[in-house]
Amino acid sequence: TVVVSPCYKDIAFWVPENYEENDFFELARGIAGDLVEQIECIDEFTNPKTGKSSKCYRTTYRSMERSLTDDEINALQNKLRDDAAEILKVEVR
């Protein structure tokens, strides 16, 4: 049995009013497919002055067949950041 270590990456962003969490999950899975083992919201807060809400998600990447390289994971995470800003209209922090 091969045990492959997971890789964790966090992303935080301000969410627009019409934000749907499931859209972010689907976007991540569309980019990284089966390499996304889990996504969880690990922090959220609302700025009392602006009323803007922020969410921070931790994505667990893992392949069952092999170790993933830092470059590979970083490329996926960068695409997720870019696409989330462009498609979901979030403001990455």
N, C-alpha and C. Protein backbone atom coordinates (compact mmCIF):
# COMPACT_ATOMS: atom_id res chain seq x y z
N THR A 1 0.84 -1.18 0.00
CA THR A 1 0.00 0.00 0.00
C THR A 1 0.89 1.25 0.00
N VAL A 2 0.60 2.15 -0.90
CA VAL A 2 1.33 3.41 -0.97
C VAL A 2 0.53 4.47 -0.23
N VAL A 3 1.18 5.10 0.73
CA VAL A 3 0.54 6.20 1.45
C VAL A 3 1.16 7.49 0.95
N VAL A 4 0.33 8.33 0.36
CA VAL A 4 0.81 9.58 -0.21
C VAL A 4 0.34 10.72 0.67
N SER A 5 1.27 11.58 1.07
CA SER A 5 0.93 12.69 1.96
C SER A 5 0.06 13.72 1.25
N PRO A 6 -0.87 14.30 1.98
CA PRO A 6 -1.70 15.36 1.40
C PRO A 6 -0.92 16.68 1.35
N CYS A 7 -1.40 17.59 0.54
CA CYS A 7 -0.85 18.94 0.47
C CYS A 7 -2.00 19.91 0.73
N TYR A 8 -1.78 20.84 1.64
CA TYR A 8 -2.83 21.78 2.02
C TYR A 8 -2.52 23.17 1.47
N LYS A 9 -3.54 23.79 0.90
CA LYS A 9 -3.40 25.17 0.40
C LYS A 9 -4.62 25.96 0.85
N ASP A 10 -4.35 27.19 1.32
CA ASP A 10 -5.44 28.06 1.78
C ASP A 10 -5.66 29.18 0.77
N ILE A 11 -6.90 29.61 0.69
CA ILE A 11 -7.26 30.77 -0.13
C ILE A 11 -8.31 31.56 0.65
N ALA A 12 -8.10 32.87 0.71
CA ALA A 12 -9.05 33.74 1.40
C ALA A 12 -9.52 34.82 0.43
N PHE A 13 -10.80 35.15 0.51
CA PHE A 13 -11.32 36.19 -0.37
C PHE A 13 -12.57 36.82 0.22
N TRP A 14 -12.81 38.07 -0.23
CA TRP A 14 -14.05 38.76 0.09
C TRP A 14 -15.11 38.22 -0.85
N VAL A 15 -16.29 37.95 -0.33
CA VAL A 15 -17.34 37.35 -1.15
C VAL A 15 -18.37 38.39 -1.56
N PRO A 16 -18.87 38.32 -2.79
CA PRO A 16 -19.96 39.21 -3.21
C PRO A 16 -21.27 38.76 -2.56
N GLU A 17 -22.27 39.60 -2.62
CA GLU A 17 -23.55 39.29 -1.95
C GLU A 17 -24.19 38.02 -2.47
N ASN A 18 -24.05 37.74 -3.76
CA ASN A 18 -24.72 36.57 -4.35
C ASN A 18 -23.85 35.32 -4.34
N TYR A 19 -22.81 35.30 -3.49
CA TYR A 19 -21.86 34.19 -3.45
C TYR A 19 -22.53 32.89 -2.99
N GLU A 20 -22.25 31.82 -3.73
CA GLU A 20 -22.74 30.49 -3.36
C GLU A 20 -21.52 29.59 -3.15
N GLU A 21 -21.37 29.08 -1.93
CA GLU A 21 -20.20 28.27 -1.59
C GLU A 21 -20.03 27.08 -2.53
N ASN A 22 -21.13 26.46 -2.90
CA ASN A 22 -21.06 25.28 -3.75
C ASN A 22 -20.43 25.60 -5.11
N ASP A 23 -20.60 26.84 -5.60
CA ASP A 23 -19.99 27.24 -6.86
C ASP A 23 -18.46 27.18 -6.75
N PHE A 24 -17.93 27.57 -5.58
CA PHE A 24 -16.48 27.52 -5.37
C PHE A 24 -16.00 26.06 -5.35
N PHE A 25 -16.75 25.20 -4.66
CA PHE A 25 -16.39 23.78 -4.60
C PHE A 25 -16.37 23.17 -6.01
N GLU A 26 -17.39 23.49 -6.80
CA GLU A 26 -17.47 22.95 -8.16
C GLU A 26 -16.33 23.49 -9.03
N LEU A 27 -15.99 24.76 -8.85
CA LEU A 27 -14.89 25.36 -9.60
C LEU A 27 -13.59 24.63 -9.28
N ALA A 28 -13.33 24.39 -8.01
CA ALA A 28 -12.10 23.72 -7.58
C ALA A 28 -12.03 22.31 -8.16
N ARG A 29 -13.13 21.58 -8.11
CA ARG A 29 -13.13 20.22 -8.63
C ARG A 29 -13.01 20.21 -10.15
N GLY A 30 -13.54 21.24 -10.80
CA GLY A 30 -13.40 21.36 -12.25
C GLY A 30 -11.95 21.59 -12.66
N ILE A 31 -11.19 22.27 -11.80
CA ILE A 31 -9.80 22.56 -12.10
C ILE A 31 -8.90 21.37 -11.74
N ALA A 32 -9.08 20.82 -10.55
CA ALA A 32 -8.15 19.81 -10.05
C ALA A 32 -8.72 18.40 -10.03
N GLY A 33 -9.99 18.24 -10.31
CA GLY A 33 -10.60 16.91 -10.39
C GLY A 33 -10.41 16.08 -9.14
N ASP A 34 -9.98 14.83 -9.34
CA ASP A 34 -9.82 13.90 -8.23
C ASP A 34 -8.65 14.24 -7.31
N LEU A 35 -7.82 15.20 -7.69
CA LEU A 35 -6.71 15.60 -6.82
C LEU A 35 -7.21 16.40 -5.61
N VAL A 36 -8.45 16.92 -5.70
CA VAL A 36 -9.04 17.60 -4.55
C VAL A 36 -9.68 16.54 -3.66
N GLU A 37 -9.09 16.35 -2.49
CA GLU A 37 -9.64 15.39 -1.54
C GLU A 37 -10.72 16.03 -0.67
N GLN A 38 -10.49 17.29 -0.29
CA GLN A 38 -11.43 17.95 0.61
C GLN A 38 -11.26 19.47 0.50
N ILE A 39 -12.36 20.19 0.68
CA ILE A 39 -12.32 21.65 0.80
C ILE A 39 -13.16 22.00 2.01
N GLU A 40 -12.60 22.79 2.90
CA GLU A 40 -13.39 23.21 4.06
C GLU A 40 -13.16 24.68 4.36
N CYS A 41 -14.22 25.33 4.82
CA CYS A 41 -14.13 26.71 5.25
C CYS A 41 -13.53 26.70 6.65
N ILE A 42 -12.33 27.31 6.80
CA ILE A 42 -11.65 27.28 8.08
C ILE A 42 -11.76 28.60 8.84
N ASP A 43 -12.23 29.66 8.16
CA ASP A 43 -12.40 30.94 8.83
C ASP A 43 -13.35 31.81 8.02
N GLU A 44 -14.13 32.59 8.74
CA GLU A 44 -14.96 33.58 8.07
C GLU A 44 -15.24 34.71 9.04
N PHE A 45 -15.33 35.91 8.48
CA PHE A 45 -15.67 37.05 9.31
C PHE A 45 -16.27 38.13 8.44
N THR A 46 -16.95 39.07 9.09
CA THR A 46 -17.52 40.22 8.41
C THR A 46 -16.90 41.47 9.00
N ASN A 47 -16.40 42.33 8.12
CA ASN A 47 -15.82 43.59 8.55
C ASN A 47 -16.94 44.50 9.03
N PRO A 48 -16.94 44.91 10.31
CA PRO A 48 -18.04 45.72 10.83
C PRO A 48 -18.14 47.10 10.17
N LYS A 49 -17.02 47.62 9.67
CA LYS A 49 -17.05 48.95 9.05
C LYS A 49 -17.60 48.92 7.64
N THR A 50 -17.21 47.89 6.86
CA THR A 50 -17.63 47.84 5.45
C THR A 50 -18.82 46.92 5.22
N GLY A 51 -19.03 45.98 6.16
CA GLY A 51 -20.09 44.99 5.97
C GLY A 51 -19.70 43.88 5.02
N LYS A 52 -18.45 43.93 4.50
CA LYS A 52 -17.99 42.89 3.58
C LYS A 52 -17.64 41.63 4.37
N SER A 53 -17.94 40.48 3.76
CA SER A 53 -17.64 39.20 4.40
C SER A 53 -16.47 38.53 3.70
N SER A 54 -15.63 37.88 4.50
CA SER A 54 -14.47 37.15 4.00
C SER A 54 -14.58 35.70 4.41
N LYS A 55 -14.13 34.82 3.53
CA LYS A 55 -14.07 33.39 3.84
C LYS A 55 -12.68 32.89 3.49
N CYS A 56 -12.20 31.94 4.29
CA CYS A 56 -10.93 31.29 4.01
C CYS A 56 -11.19 29.79 3.90
N TYR A 57 -10.74 29.22 2.80
CA TYR A 57 -10.93 27.79 2.55
C TYR A 57 -9.59 27.09 2.52
N ARG A 58 -9.56 25.90 3.09
CA ARG A 58 -8.38 25.03 3.00
C ARG A 58 -8.72 23.89 2.04
N THR A 59 -7.91 23.77 1.00
CA THR A 59 -8.07 22.69 0.03
C THR A 59 -7.01 21.63 0.31
N THR A 60 -7.45 20.39 0.42
CA THR A 60 -6.54 19.27 0.58
C THR A 60 -6.38 18.60 -0.78
N TYR A 61 -5.15 18.64 -1.30
CA TYR A 61 -4.83 17.98 -2.56
C TYR A 61 -4.12 16.67 -2.25
N ARG A 62 -4.50 15.61 -2.96
CA ARG A 62 -3.81 14.34 -2.79
C ARG A 62 -4.11 13.45 -3.99
N SER A 63 -3.08 12.76 -4.44
CA SER A 63 -3.24 11.73 -5.46
C SER A 63 -3.07 10.38 -4.77
N MET A 64 -3.88 9.45 -5.14
CA MET A 64 -3.76 8.11 -4.56
C MET A 64 -2.64 7.30 -5.22
N GLU A 65 -2.15 7.77 -6.37
CA GLU A 65 -1.15 7.01 -7.12
C GLU A 65 0.28 7.48 -6.91
N ARG A 66 0.48 8.78 -6.61
CA ARG A 66 1.83 9.32 -6.60
C ARG A 66 1.90 10.57 -5.75
N SER A 67 3.11 10.99 -5.48
CA SER A 67 3.32 12.26 -4.79
C SER A 67 3.13 13.40 -5.79
N LEU A 68 2.50 14.45 -5.35
CA LEU A 68 2.31 15.63 -6.20
C LEU A 68 3.47 16.59 -5.96
N THR A 69 3.89 17.27 -7.01
CA THR A 69 4.99 18.22 -6.88
C THR A 69 4.45 19.58 -6.43
N ASP A 70 5.32 20.37 -5.81
CA ASP A 70 4.94 21.73 -5.41
C ASP A 70 4.50 22.53 -6.63
N ASP A 71 5.24 22.39 -7.73
CA ASP A 71 4.90 23.15 -8.94
C ASP A 71 3.50 22.79 -9.44
N GLU A 72 3.18 21.50 -9.40
CA GLU A 72 1.88 21.01 -9.85
C GLU A 72 0.75 21.60 -8.99
N ILE A 73 0.93 21.53 -7.67
CA ILE A 73 -0.09 22.04 -6.75
C ILE A 73 -0.21 23.56 -6.87
N ASN A 74 0.93 24.24 -6.95
CA ASN A 74 0.89 25.70 -7.07
C ASN A 74 0.19 26.15 -8.34
N ALA A 75 0.39 25.42 -9.43
CA ALA A 75 -0.29 25.77 -10.69
C ALA A 75 -1.80 25.61 -10.55
N LEU A 76 -2.23 24.53 -9.90
CA LEU A 76 -3.67 24.32 -9.67
C LEU A 76 -4.23 25.42 -8.77
N GLN A 77 -3.52 25.73 -7.69
CA GLN A 77 -3.99 26.73 -6.74
C GLN A 77 -4.04 28.13 -7.39
N ASN A 78 -3.04 28.44 -8.22
CA ASN A 78 -3.05 29.74 -8.91
C ASN A 78 -4.22 29.84 -9.88
N LYS A 79 -4.51 28.75 -10.58
CA LYS A 79 -5.66 28.76 -11.50
C LYS A 79 -6.95 28.92 -10.71
N LEU A 80 -7.04 28.27 -9.56
CA LEU A 80 -8.23 28.40 -8.72
C LEU A 80 -8.40 29.84 -8.27
N ARG A 81 -7.31 30.49 -7.84
CA ARG A 81 -7.37 31.89 -7.42
C ARG A 81 -7.85 32.79 -8.58
N ASP A 82 -7.24 32.59 -9.75
CA ASP A 82 -7.57 33.42 -10.91
C ASP A 82 -9.02 33.21 -11.35
N ASP A 83 -9.42 31.95 -11.44
CA ASP A 83 -10.77 31.64 -11.91
C ASP A 83 -11.83 32.07 -10.89
N ALA A 84 -11.53 31.95 -9.60
CA ALA A 84 -12.49 32.38 -8.58
C ALA A 84 -12.73 33.88 -8.70
N ALA A 85 -11.67 34.64 -8.92
CA ALA A 85 -11.81 36.09 -9.08
C ALA A 85 -12.59 36.43 -10.34
N GLU A 86 -12.26 35.74 -11.43
CA GLU A 86 -12.89 36.06 -12.71
C GLU A 86 -14.33 35.55 -12.81
N ILE A 87 -14.55 34.31 -12.42
CA ILE A 87 -15.86 33.67 -12.62
C ILE A 87 -16.82 33.95 -11.48
N LEU A 88 -16.32 33.84 -10.24
CA LEU A 88 -17.21 34.01 -9.08
C LEU A 88 -17.23 35.45 -8.57
N LYS A 89 -16.38 36.30 -9.13
CA LYS A 89 -16.31 37.71 -8.76
C LYS A 89 -15.95 37.94 -7.30
N VAL A 90 -15.12 37.03 -6.75
CA VAL A 90 -14.62 37.22 -5.40
C VAL A 90 -13.37 38.10 -5.47
N GLU A 91 -13.03 38.71 -4.35
CA GLU A 91 -11.82 39.55 -4.28
C GLU A 91 -10.80 38.81 -3.42
N VAL A 92 -9.85 38.17 -4.10
CA VAL A 92 -8.85 37.36 -3.40
C VAL A 92 -8.01 38.27 -2.51
N ARG A 93 -7.78 37.82 -1.26
CA ARG A 93 -7.02 38.62 -0.29
C ARG A 93 -5.59 38.16 -0.23
